[in-house]
Amino acid sequence: MSSGSAGHALVLRHRAKPGRRDELVEVWRRHMPDAVQANDGHRAYVFCASHADPDVLLVFQQYRDAAAAQEFLGNPAYLAYLEESGDLLTGPPEVEAVEPLWSKVAGPTR
């Protein structure tokens, strides 16, 4: 799959302050699911809790293109999530751009 057909994808690693990951998950659940579902720019979005580190959340996001990713940064729900989650995080997320080479799409787990 070429990068043109794959769109633009990111892997983010969010580190909660020790023992506060569950609070961070609840903030995410309040703000993000409806915003992501309604966003035509998202092709895929997977929100994960790390088994290796109890303070880490990982997110895989695949967008139609880089412009769609940039546009989502101004989404009011995302901005509300950022404001409410700031005190729960040790700092900004680690972000890595990736190229999806293959995927299987399934329905949401919750």
PDB file of N, CA and C in Angstrom:
ATOM      1  N   MET A   1       0.854  -1.167   0.000  1.00  0.00           N
ATOM      2  CA  MET A   1       0.000   0.000   0.000  1.00  0.00           C
ATOM      3  C   MET A   1       0.896   1.225   0.000  1.00  0.00           C
ATOM      4  N   SER A   2       0.623   2.151  -0.848  1.00  0.00           N
ATOM      5  CA  SER A   2       1.427   3.367  -0.891  1.00  0.00           C
ATOM      6  C   SER A   2       0.976   4.336   0.192  1.00  0.00           C
ATOM      7  N   SER A   3       1.830   5.287   0.515  1.00  0.00           N
ATOM      8  CA  SER A   3       1.452   6.248   1.545  1.00  0.00           C
ATOM      9  C   SER A   3       0.288   7.114   1.085  1.00  0.00           C
ATOM     10  N   GLY A   4       0.134   7.320  -0.234  1.00  0.00           N
ATOM     11  CA  GLY A   4      -0.990   8.104  -0.725  1.00  0.00           C
ATOM     12  C   GLY A   4      -2.325   7.451  -0.417  1.00  0.00           C
ATOM     13  N   SER A   5      -2.434   6.142  -0.600  1.00  0.00           N
ATOM     14  CA  SER A   5      -3.707   5.471  -0.342  1.00  0.00           C
ATOM     15  C   SER A   5      -3.904   5.179   1.137  1.00  0.00           C
ATOM     16  N   ALA A   6      -2.837   5.167   1.894  1.00  0.00           N
ATOM     17  CA  ALA A   6      -2.946   4.860   3.324  1.00  0.00           C
ATOM     18  C   ALA A   6      -3.378   6.066   4.142  1.00  0.00           C
ATOM     19  N   GLY A   7      -3.255   7.242   3.573  1.00  0.00           N
ATOM     20  CA  GLY A   7      -3.590   8.437   4.324  1.00  0.00           C
ATOM     21  C   GLY A   7      -2.456   8.826   5.256  1.00  0.00           C
ATOM     22  N   HIS A   8      -2.831   9.380   6.369  1.00  0.00           N
ATOM     23  CA  HIS A   8      -1.878   9.903   7.351  1.00  0.00           C
ATOM     24  C   HIS A   8      -2.180   9.218   8.680  1.00  0.00           C
ATOM     25  N   ALA A   9      -1.194   8.588   9.286  1.00  0.00           N
ATOM     26  CA  ALA A   9      -1.443   7.852  10.524  1.00  0.00           C
ATOM     27  C   ALA A   9      -0.446   8.251  11.605  1.00  0.00           C
ATOM     28  N   LEU A  10      -0.929   8.172  12.841  1.00  0.00           N
ATOM     29  CA  LEU A  10      -0.128   8.541  14.005  1.00  0.00           C
ATOM     30  C   LEU A  10      -0.292   7.498  15.099  1.00  0.00           C
ATOM     31  N   VAL A  11       0.770   7.303  15.871  1.00  0.00           N
ATOM     32  CA  VAL A  11       0.702   6.545  17.111  1.00  0.00           C
ATOM     33  C   VAL A  11       1.096   7.519  18.215  1.00  0.00           C
ATOM     34  N   LEU A  12       0.222   7.648  19.210  1.00  0.00           N
ATOM     35  CA  LEU A  12       0.474   8.552  20.327  1.00  0.00           C
ATOM     36  C   LEU A  12       0.602   7.755  21.607  1.00  0.00           C
ATOM     37  N   ARG A  13       1.511   8.175  22.461  1.00  0.00           N
ATOM     38  CA  ARG A  13       1.732   7.553  23.772  1.00  0.00           C
ATOM     39  C   ARG A  13       1.502   8.632  24.821  1.00  0.00           C
ATOM     40  N   HIS A  14       0.435   8.463  25.601  1.00  0.00           N
ATOM     41  CA  HIS A  14       0.086   9.407  26.663  1.00  0.00           C
ATOM     42  C   HIS A  14       0.509   8.801  28.004  1.00  0.00           C
ATOM     43  N   ARG A  15       1.256   9.555  28.792  1.00  0.00           N
ATOM     44  CA  ARG A  15       1.676   9.074  30.108  1.00  0.00           C
ATOM     45  C   ARG A  15       0.917   9.845  31.185  1.00  0.00           C
ATOM     46  N   ALA A  16       0.052   9.125  31.898  1.00  0.00           N
ATOM     47  CA  ALA A  16      -0.680   9.725  33.014  1.00  0.00           C
ATOM     48  C   ALA A  16       0.251   9.839  34.217  1.00  0.00           C
ATOM     49  N   LYS A  17      -0.058  10.780  35.083  1.00  0.00           N
ATOM     50  CA  LYS A  17       0.655  10.837  36.355  1.00  0.00           C
ATOM     51  C   LYS A  17       0.395   9.521  37.084  1.00  0.00           C
ATOM     52  N   PRO A  18       1.330   9.063  37.914  1.00  0.00           N
ATOM     53  CA  PRO A  18       1.190   7.760  38.558  1.00  0.00           C
ATOM     54  C   PRO A  18      -0.185   7.560  39.207  1.00  0.00           C
ATOM     55  N   GLY A  19      -0.815   6.445  38.832  1.00  0.00           N
ATOM     56  CA  GLY A  19      -2.102   6.067  39.403  1.00  0.00           C
ATOM     57  C   GLY A  19      -3.305   6.819  38.863  1.00  0.00           C
ATOM     58  N   ARG A  20      -3.128   7.647  37.842  1.00  0.00           N
ATOM     59  CA  ARG A  20      -4.241   8.495  37.365  1.00  0.00           C
ATOM     60  C   ARG A  20      -4.744   8.114  35.970  1.00  0.00           C
ATOM     61  N   ARG A  21      -4.285   6.958  35.457  1.00  0.00           N
ATOM     62  CA  ARG A  21      -4.701   6.562  34.116  1.00  0.00           C
ATOM     63  C   ARG A  21      -6.212   6.372  34.016  1.00  0.00           C
ATOM     64  N   ASP A  22      -6.838   5.766  35.014  1.00  0.00           N
ATOM     65  CA  ASP A  22      -8.283   5.543  34.955  1.00  0.00           C
ATOM     66  C   ASP A  22      -9.041   6.870  34.860  1.00  0.00           C
ATOM     67  N   GLU A  23      -8.564   7.886  35.549  1.00  0.00           N
ATOM     68  CA  GLU A  23      -9.184   9.211  35.455  1.00  0.00           C
ATOM     69  C   GLU A  23      -9.033   9.772  34.045  1.00  0.00           C
ATOM     70  N   LEU A  24      -7.861   9.563  33.455  1.00  0.00           N
ATOM     71  CA  LEU A  24      -7.608  10.023  32.102  1.00  0.00           C
ATOM     72  C   LEU A  24      -8.536   9.320  31.112  1.00  0.00           C
ATOM     73  N   VAL A  25      -8.746   8.029  31.299  1.00  0.00           N
ATOM     74  CA  VAL A  25      -9.665   7.279  30.442  1.00  0.00           C
ATOM     75  C   VAL A  25     -11.069   7.862  30.541  1.00  0.00           C
ATOM     76  N   GLU A  26     -11.502   8.188  31.733  1.00  0.00           N
ATOM     77  CA  GLU A  26     -12.845   8.748  31.906  1.00  0.00           C
ATOM     78  C   GLU A  26     -12.981  10.102  31.222  1.00  0.00           C
ATOM     79  N   VAL A  27     -11.950  10.927  31.285  1.00  0.00           N
ATOM     80  CA  VAL A  27     -11.979  12.220  30.587  1.00  0.00           C
ATOM     81  C   VAL A  27     -12.070  11.969  29.079  1.00  0.00           C
ATOM     82  N   TRP A  28     -11.274  11.027  28.580  1.00  0.00           N
ATOM     83  CA  TRP A  28     -11.328  10.693  27.150  1.00  0.00           C
ATOM     84  C   TRP A  28     -12.744  10.242  26.770  1.00  0.00           C
ATOM     85  N   ARG A  29     -13.329   9.386  27.574  1.00  0.00           N
ATOM     86  CA  ARG A  29     -14.673   8.863  27.263  1.00  0.00           C
ATOM     87  C   ARG A  29     -15.741   9.958  27.265  1.00  0.00           C
ATOM     88  N   ARG A  30     -15.556  10.980  28.062  1.00  0.00           N
ATOM     89  CA  ARG A  30     -16.521  12.088  28.096  1.00  0.00           C
ATOM     90  C   ARG A  30     -16.481  12.921  26.818  1.00  0.00           C
ATOM     91  N   HIS A  31     -15.290  13.059  26.242  1.00  0.00           N
ATOM     92  CA  HIS A  31     -15.126  14.017  25.156  1.00  0.00           C
ATOM     93  C   HIS A  31     -14.889  13.423  23.768  1.00  0.00           C
ATOM     94  N   MET A  32     -14.179  12.322  23.689  1.00  0.00           N
ATOM     95  CA  MET A  32     -13.644  11.921  22.398  1.00  0.00           C
ATOM     96  C   MET A  32     -14.484  10.971  21.542  1.00  0.00           C
ATOM     97  N   PRO A  33     -15.164   9.958  22.072  1.00  0.00           N
ATOM     98  CA  PRO A  33     -15.825   8.992  21.178  1.00  0.00           C
ATOM     99  C   PRO A  33     -16.787   9.626  20.171  1.00  0.00           C
ATOM    100  N   ASP A  34     -17.672  10.495  20.614  1.00  0.00           N
ATOM    101  CA  ASP A  34     -18.632  11.108  19.687  1.00  0.00           C
ATOM    102  C   ASP A  34     -17.912  11.979  18.653  1.00  0.00           C
ATOM    103  N   ALA A  35     -16.883  12.699  19.088  1.00  0.00           N
ATOM    104  CA  ALA A  35     -16.137  13.558  18.163  1.00  0.00           C
ATOM    105  C   ALA A  35     -15.434  12.737  17.097  1.00  0.00           C
ATOM    106  N   VAL A  36     -14.829  11.635  17.490  1.00  0.00           N
ATOM    107  CA  VAL A  36     -14.136  10.772  16.520  1.00  0.00           C
ATOM    108  C   VAL A  36     -15.144  10.111  15.587  1.00  0.00           C
ATOM    109  N   GLN A  37     -16.245   9.592  16.145  1.00  0.00           N
ATOM    110  CA  GLN A  37     -17.268   8.950  15.305  1.00  0.00           C
ATOM    111  C   GLN A  37     -17.815   9.911  14.256  1.00  0.00           C
ATOM    112  N   ALA A  38     -17.992  11.162  14.612  1.00  0.00           N
ATOM    113  CA  ALA A  38     -18.574  12.144  13.698  1.00  0.00           C
ATOM    114  C   ALA A  38     -17.567  12.730  12.713  1.00  0.00           C
ATOM    115  N   ASN A  39     -16.289  12.468  12.927  1.00  0.00           N
ATOM    116  CA  ASN A  39     -15.247  13.074  12.104  1.00  0.00           C
ATOM    117  C   ASN A  39     -14.982  12.244  10.845  1.00  0.00           C
ATOM    118  N   ASP A  40     -15.384  12.769   9.699  1.00  0.00           N
ATOM    119  CA  ASP A  40     -15.169  12.069   8.436  1.00  0.00           C
ATOM    120  C   ASP A  40     -13.692  11.916   8.084  1.00  0.00           C
ATOM    121  N   GLY A  41     -12.834  12.727   8.683  1.00  0.00           N
ATOM    122  CA  GLY A  41     -11.403  12.647   8.408  1.00  0.00           C
ATOM    123  C   GLY A  41     -10.717  11.437   9.025  1.00  0.00           C
ATOM    124  N   HIS A  42     -11.329  10.841  10.051  1.00  0.00           N
ATOM    125  CA  HIS A  42     -10.753   9.645  10.668  1.00  0.00           C
ATOM    126  C   HIS A  42     -11.142   8.408   9.869  1.00  0.00           C
ATOM    127  N   ARG A  43     -10.155   7.632   9.465  1.00  0.00           N
ATOM    128  CA  ARG A  43     -10.404   6.317   8.863  1.00  0.00           C
ATOM    129  C   ARG A  43     -10.401   5.245   9.937  1.00  0.00           C
ATOM    130  N   ALA A  44      -9.561   5.429  10.944  1.00  0.00           N
ATOM    131  CA  ALA A  44      -9.470   4.461  12.046  1.00  0.00           C
ATOM    132  C   ALA A  44      -8.990   5.196  13.288  1.00  0.00           C
ATOM    133  N   TYR A  45      -9.411   4.693  14.441  1.00  0.00           N
ATOM    134  CA  TYR A  45      -8.988   5.266  15.723  1.00  0.00           C
ATOM    135  C   TYR A  45      -9.070   4.134  16.736  1.00  0.00           C
ATOM    136  N   VAL A  46      -7.951   3.825  17.369  1.00  0.00           N
ATOM    137  CA  VAL A  46      -7.914   2.750  18.358  1.00  0.00           C
ATOM    138  C   VAL A  46      -7.287   3.307  19.632  1.00  0.00           C
ATOM    139  N   PHE A  47      -8.034   3.255  20.717  1.00  0.00           N
ATOM    140  CA  PHE A  47      -7.632   3.787  22.028  1.00  0.00           C
ATOM    141  C   PHE A  47      -7.290   2.590  22.906  1.00  0.00           C
ATOM    142  N   CYS A  48      -6.066   2.522  23.412  1.00  0.00           N
ATOM    143  CA  CYS A  48      -5.572   1.321  24.102  1.00  0.00           C
ATOM    144  C   CYS A  48      -4.920   1.650  25.444  1.00  0.00           C
ATOM    145  N   ALA A  49      -5.084   0.733  26.392  1.00  0.00           N
ATOM    146  CA  ALA A  49      -4.364   0.792  27.664  1.00  0.00           C
ATOM    147  C   ALA A  49      -3.175  -0.155  27.567  1.00  0.00           C
ATOM    148  N   SER A  50      -2.019   0.319  27.968  1.00  0.00           N
ATOM    149  CA  SER A  50      -0.816  -0.507  27.945  1.00  0.00           C
ATOM    150  C   SER A  50      -0.879  -1.577  29.029  1.00  0.00           C
ATOM    151  N   HIS A  51      -0.505  -2.794  28.665  1.00  0.00           N
ATOM    152  CA  HIS A  51      -0.344  -3.847  29.664  1.00  0.00           C
ATOM    153  C   HIS A  51       1.026  -3.737  30.336  1.00  0.00           C
ATOM    154  N   ALA A  52       1.992  -3.171  29.634  1.00  0.00           N
ATOM    155  CA  ALA A  52       3.360  -3.088  30.142  1.00  0.00           C
ATOM    156  C   ALA A  52       3.559  -1.968  31.157  1.00  0.00           C
ATOM    157  N   ASP A  53       2.742  -0.913  31.048  1.00  0.00           N
ATOM    158  CA  ASP A  53       2.914   0.242  31.933  1.00  0.00           C
ATOM    159  C   ASP A  53       1.536   0.732  32.365  1.00  0.00           C
ATOM    160  N   PRO A  54       1.216   0.652  33.658  1.00  0.00           N
ATOM    161  CA  PRO A  54      -0.118   1.004  34.132  1.00  0.00           C
ATOM    162  C   PRO A  54      -0.463   2.488  34.045  1.00  0.00           C
ATOM    163  N   ASP A  55       0.481   3.315  33.631  1.00  0.00           N
ATOM    164  CA  ASP A  55       0.219   4.745  33.515  1.00  0.00           C
ATOM    165  C   ASP A  55       0.145   5.211  32.061  1.00  0.00           C
ATOM    166  N   VAL A  56       0.204   4.281  31.106  1.00  0.00           N
ATOM    167  CA  VAL A  56       0.292   4.652  29.699  1.00  0.00           C
ATOM    168  C   VAL A  56      -0.970   4.270  28.926  1.00  0.00           C
ATOM    169  N   LEU A  57      -1.380   5.209  28.067  1.00  0.00           N
ATOM    170  CA  LEU A  57      -2.422   4.962  27.070  1.00  0.00           C
ATOM    171  C   LEU A  57      -1.793   5.162  25.698  1.00  0.00           C
ATOM    172  N   LEU A  58      -2.164   4.316  24.751  1.00  0.00           N
ATOM    173  CA  LEU A  58      -1.670   4.405  23.386  1.00  0.00           C
ATOM    174  C   LEU A  58      -2.861   4.624  22.460  1.00  0.00           C
ATOM    175  N   VAL A  59      -2.661   5.443  21.439  1.00  0.00           N
ATOM    176  CA  VAL A  59      -3.723   5.724  20.478  1.00  0.00           C
ATOM    177  C   VAL A  59      -3.149   5.573  19.072  1.00  0.00           C
ATOM    178  N   PHE A  60      -3.870   4.812  18.244  1.00  0.00           N
ATOM    179  CA  PHE A  60      -3.554   4.751  16.822  1.00  0.00           C
ATOM    180  C   PHE A  60      -4.642   5.521  16.096  1.00  0.00           C
ATOM    181  N   GLN A  61      -4.222   6.472  15.265  1.00  0.00           N
ATOM    182  CA  GLN A  61      -5.169   7.276  14.488  1.00  0.00           C
ATOM    183  C   GLN A  61      -4.767   7.235  13.022  1.00  0.00           C
ATOM    184  N   GLN A  62      -5.714   6.906  12.174  1.00  0.00           N
ATOM    185  CA  GLN A  62      -5.480   6.975  10.734  1.00  0.00           C
ATOM    186  C   GLN A  62      -6.471   7.977  10.160  1.00  0.00           C
ATOM    187  N   TYR A  63      -5.932   8.955   9.464  1.00  0.00           N
ATOM    188  CA  TYR A  63      -6.722  10.026   8.864  1.00  0.00           C
ATOM    189  C   TYR A  63      -6.734   9.895   7.346  1.00  0.00           C
ATOM    190  N   ARG A  64      -7.680  10.538   6.733  1.00  0.00           N
ATOM    191  CA  ARG A  64      -7.767  10.605   5.275  1.00  0.00           C
ATOM    192  C   ARG A  64      -6.468  11.196   4.712  1.00  0.00           C
ATOM    193  N   ASP A  65      -5.970  12.254   5.357  1.00  0.00           N
ATOM    194  CA  ASP A  65      -4.734  12.910   4.940  1.00  0.00           C
ATOM    195  C   ASP A  65      -4.244  13.797   6.085  1.00  0.00           C
ATOM    196  N   ALA A  66      -3.076  14.380   5.903  1.00  0.00           N
ATOM    197  CA  ALA A  66      -2.492  15.224   6.958  1.00  0.00           C
ATOM    198  C   ALA A  66      -3.361  16.441   7.259  1.00  0.00           C
ATOM    199  N   ALA A  67      -4.045  16.970   6.253  1.00  0.00           N
ATOM    200  CA  ALA A  67      -4.913  18.129   6.485  1.00  0.00           C
ATOM    201  C   ALA A  67      -6.066  17.768   7.419  1.00  0.00           C
ATOM    202  N   ALA A  68      -6.609  16.559   7.281  1.00  0.00           N
ATOM    203  CA  ALA A  68      -7.698  16.119   8.167  1.00  0.00           C
ATOM    204  C   ALA A  68      -7.201  15.995   9.598  1.00  0.00           C
ATOM    205  N   ALA A  69      -5.969  15.525   9.771  1.00  0.00           N
ATOM    206  CA  ALA A  69      -5.387  15.419  11.117  1.00  0.00           C
ATOM    207  C   ALA A  69      -5.226  16.810  11.721  1.00  0.00           C
ATOM    208  N   GLN A  70      -4.738  17.734  10.947  1.00  0.00           N
ATOM    209  CA  GLN A  70      -4.538  19.107  11.430  1.00  0.00           C
ATOM    210  C   GLN A  70      -5.884  19.749  11.770  1.00  0.00           C
ATOM    211  N   GLU A  71      -6.885  19.514  10.954  1.00  0.00           N
ATOM    212  CA  GLU A  71      -8.211  20.090  11.183  1.00  0.00           C
ATOM    213  C   GLU A  71      -8.821  19.597  12.499  1.00  0.00           C
ATOM    214  N   PHE A  72      -8.606  18.315  12.827  1.00  0.00           N
ATOM    215  CA  PHE A  72      -9.194  17.761  14.045  1.00  0.00           C
ATOM    216  C   PHE A  72      -8.633  18.423  15.303  1.00  0.00           C
ATOM    217  N   LEU A  73      -7.438  18.968  15.216  1.00  0.00           N
ATOM    218  CA  LEU A  73      -6.838  19.633  16.378  1.00  0.00           C
ATOM    219  C   LEU A  73      -7.669  20.821  16.858  1.00  0.00           C
ATOM    220  N   GLY A  74      -8.537  21.351  16.016  1.00  0.00           N
ATOM    221  CA  GLY A  74      -9.404  22.453  16.403  1.00  0.00           C
ATOM    222  C   GLY A  74     -10.799  22.021  16.814  1.00  0.00           C
ATOM    223  N   ASN A  75     -11.061  20.725  16.843  1.00  0.00           N
ATOM    224  CA  ASN A  75     -12.382  20.215  17.219  1.00  0.00           C
ATOM    225  C   ASN A  75     -12.694  20.630  18.660  1.00  0.00           C
ATOM    226  N   PRO A  76     -13.872  21.206  18.923  1.00  0.00           N
ATOM    227  CA  PRO A  76     -14.201  21.656  20.282  1.00  0.00           C
ATOM    228  C   PRO A  76     -14.133  20.547  21.334  1.00  0.00           C
ATOM    229  N   ALA A  77     -14.528  19.341  20.980  1.00  0.00           N
ATOM    230  CA  ALA A  77     -14.451  18.223  21.938  1.00  0.00           C
ATOM    231  C   ALA A  77     -13.000  17.885  22.254  1.00  0.00           C
ATOM    232  N   TYR A  78     -12.140  17.915  21.244  1.00  0.00           N
ATOM    233  CA  TYR A  78     -10.716  17.648  21.462  1.00  0.00           C
ATOM    234  C   TYR A  78     -10.106  18.738  22.341  1.00  0.00           C
ATOM    235  N   LEU A  79     -10.469  19.977  22.078  1.00  0.00           N
ATOM    236  CA  LEU A  79      -9.948  21.081  22.902  1.00  0.00           C
ATOM    237  C   LEU A  79     -10.420  20.958  24.347  1.00  0.00           C
ATOM    238  N   ALA A  80     -11.668  20.525  24.562  1.00  0.00           N
ATOM    239  CA  ALA A  80     -12.175  20.310  25.926  1.00  0.00           C
ATOM    240  C   ALA A  80     -11.426  19.158  26.597  1.00  0.00           C
ATOM    241  N   TYR A  81     -11.146  18.100  25.833  1.00  0.00           N
ATOM    242  CA  TYR A  81     -10.367  16.982  26.368  1.00  0.00           C
ATOM    243  C   TYR A  81      -8.980  17.466  26.807  1.00  0.00           C
ATOM    244  N   LEU A  82      -8.323  18.242  25.961  1.00  0.00           N
ATOM    245  CA  LEU A  82      -6.988  18.753  26.313  1.00  0.00           C
ATOM    246  C   LEU A  82      -7.029  19.560  27.603  1.00  0.00           C
ATOM    247  N   GLU A  83      -8.020  20.417  27.721  1.00  0.00           N
ATOM    248  CA  GLU A  83      -8.117  21.269  28.911  1.00  0.00           C
ATOM    249  C   GLU A  83      -8.331  20.433  30.166  1.00  0.00           C
ATOM    250  N   GLU A  84      -9.227  19.464  30.090  1.00  0.00           N
ATOM    251  CA  GLU A  84      -9.551  18.673  31.272  1.00  0.00           C
ATOM    252  C   GLU A  84      -8.487  17.640  31.610  1.00  0.00           C
ATOM    253  N   SER A  85      -7.740  17.179  30.626  1.00  0.00           N
ATOM    254  CA  SER A  85      -6.757  16.118  30.872  1.00  0.00           C
ATOM    255  C   SER A  85      -5.386  16.635  31.288  1.00  0.00           C
ATOM    256  N   GLY A  86      -5.134  17.909  31.104  1.00  0.00           N
ATOM    257  CA  GLY A  86      -3.800  18.461  31.346  1.00  0.00           C
ATOM    258  C   GLY A  86      -3.211  18.137  32.707  1.00  0.00           C
ATOM    259  N   ASP A  87      -4.000  18.219  33.760  1.00  0.00           N
ATOM    260  CA  ASP A  87      -3.494  17.960  35.106  1.00  0.00           C
ATOM    261  C   ASP A  87      -3.283  16.477  35.384  1.00  0.00           C
ATOM    262  N   LEU A  88      -3.761  15.617  34.494  1.00  0.00           N
ATOM    263  CA  LEU A  88      -3.623  14.168  34.680  1.00  0.00           C
ATOM    264  C   LEU A  88      -2.397  13.604  33.982  1.00  0.00           C
ATOM    265  N   LEU A  89      -1.782  14.389  33.121  1.00  0.00           N
ATOM    266  CA  LEU A  89      -0.663  13.932  32.297  1.00  0.00           C
ATOM    267  C   LEU A  89       0.675  14.435  32.823  1.00  0.00           C
ATOM    268  N   THR A  90       1.736  13.666  32.538  1.00  0.00           N
ATOM    269  CA  THR A  90       3.078  14.100  32.916  1.00  0.00           C
ATOM    270  C   THR A  90       3.641  15.108  31.919  1.00  0.00           C
ATOM    271  N   GLY A  91       3.023  15.204  30.749  1.00  0.00           N
ATOM    272  CA  GLY A  91       3.474  16.116  29.702  1.00  0.00           C
ATOM    273  C   GLY A  91       2.744  15.802  28.413  1.00  0.00           C
ATOM    274  N   PRO A  92       3.175  16.425  27.332  1.00  0.00           N
ATOM    275  CA  PRO A  92       2.518  16.154  26.050  1.00  0.00           C
ATOM    276  C   PRO A  92       2.785  14.720  25.601  1.00  0.00           C
ATOM    277  N   PRO A  93       1.923  14.192  24.733  1.00  0.00           N
ATOM    278  CA  PRO A  93       2.131  12.817  24.277  1.00  0.00           C
ATOM    279  C   PRO A  93       3.350  12.716  23.360  1.00  0.00           C
ATOM    280  N   GLU A  94       3.919  11.522  23.330  1.00  0.00           N
ATOM    281  CA  GLU A  94       4.907  11.211  22.306  1.00  0.00           C
ATOM    282  C   GLU A  94       4.101  10.889  21.053  1.00  0.00           C
ATOM    283  N   VAL A  95       4.475  11.468  19.930  1.00  0.00           N
ATOM    284  CA  VAL A  95       3.737  11.274  18.683  1.00  0.00           C
ATOM    285  C   VAL A  95       4.700  10.757  17.618  1.00  0.00           C
ATOM    286  N   GLU A  96       4.282   9.689  16.947  1.00  0.00           N
ATOM    287  CA  GLU A  96       5.074   9.147  15.850  1.00  0.00           C
ATOM    288  C   GLU A  96       4.181   8.977  14.628  1.00  0.00           C
ATOM    289  N   ALA A  97       4.596   9.560  13.507  1.00  0.00           N
ATOM    290  CA  ALA A  97       3.891   9.334  12.250  1.00  0.00           C
ATOM    291  C   ALA A  97       4.290   7.959  11.729  1.00  0.00           C
ATOM    292  N   VAL A  98       3.309   7.196  11.256  1.00  0.00           N
ATOM    293  CA  VAL A  98       3.555   5.847  10.752  1.00  0.00           C
ATOM    294  C   VAL A  98       2.831   5.666   9.420  1.00  0.00           C
ATOM    295  N   GLU A  99       3.250   4.666   8.657  1.00  0.00           N
ATOM    296  CA  GLU A  99       2.599   4.331   7.398  1.00  0.00           C
ATOM    297  C   GLU A  99       1.916   2.975   7.536  1.00  0.00           C
ATOM    298  N   PRO A 100       0.595   2.952   7.561  1.00  0.00           N
ATOM    299  CA  PRO A 100      -0.094   1.665   7.604  1.00  0.00           C
ATOM    300  C   PRO A 100       0.176   0.887   6.314  1.00  0.00           C
ATOM    301  N   LEU A 101       0.587  -0.355   6.469  1.00  0.00           N
ATOM    302  CA  LEU A 101       0.856  -1.190   5.311  1.00  0.00           C
ATOM    303  C   LEU A 101      -0.282  -2.166   5.040  1.00  0.00           C
ATOM    304  N   TRP A 102      -1.071  -2.475   6.062  1.00  0.00           N
ATOM    305  CA  TRP A 102      -2.213  -3.385   5.922  1.00  0.00           C
ATOM    306  C   TRP A 102      -3.075  -3.243   7.156  1.00  0.00           C
ATOM    307  N   SER A 103      -4.374  -3.414   7.014  1.00  0.00           N
ATOM    308  CA  SER A 103      -5.245  -3.382   8.180  1.00  0.00           C
ATOM    309  C   SER A 103      -6.504  -4.193   7.926  1.00  0.00           C
ATOM    310  N   LYS A 104      -7.129  -4.593   9.008  1.00  0.00           N
ATOM    311  CA  LYS A 104      -8.449  -5.209   8.994  1.00  0.00           C
ATOM    312  C   LYS A 104      -9.328  -4.313   9.838  1.00  0.00           C
ATOM    313  N   VAL A 105     -10.482  -3.973   9.349  1.00  0.00           N
ATOM    314  CA  VAL A 105     -11.378  -3.082  10.078  1.00  0.00           C
ATOM    315  C   VAL A 105     -12.484  -3.918  10.707  1.00  0.00           C
ATOM    316  N   ALA A 106     -12.695  -3.734  12.002  1.00  0.00           N
ATOM    317  CA  ALA A 106     -13.752  -4.398  12.739  1.00  0.00           C
ATOM    318  C   ALA A 106     -14.534  -3.340  13.504  1.00  0.00           C
ATOM    319  N   GLY A 107     -15.670  -3.715  14.038  1.00  0.00           N
ATOM    320  CA  GLY A 107     -16.471  -2.782  14.810  1.00  0.00           C
ATOM    321  C   GLY A 107     -15.818  -2.448  16.136  1.00  0.00           C
ATOM    322  N   PRO A 108     -16.348  -1.413  16.815  1.00  0.00           N
ATOM    323  CA  PRO A 108     -15.793  -1.002  18.117  1.00  0.00           C
ATOM    324  C   PRO A 108     -15.999  -2.083  19.161  1.00  0.00           C
ATOM    325  N   THR A 109     -15.101  -2.121  20.139  1.00  0.00           N
ATOM    326  CA  THR A 109     -15.196  -3.106  21.212  1.00  0.00           C
ATOM    327  C   THR A 109     -16.158  -2.662  22.302  1.00  0.00           C
ATOM    328  N   ARG A 110     -16.414  -1.360  22.407  1.00  0.00           N
ATOM    329  CA  ARG A 110     -17.372  -0.852  23.408  1.00  0.00           C
ATOM    330  C   ARG A 110     -18.163   0.265  22.822  1.00  0.00           C
TER     331      ARG A 110
END
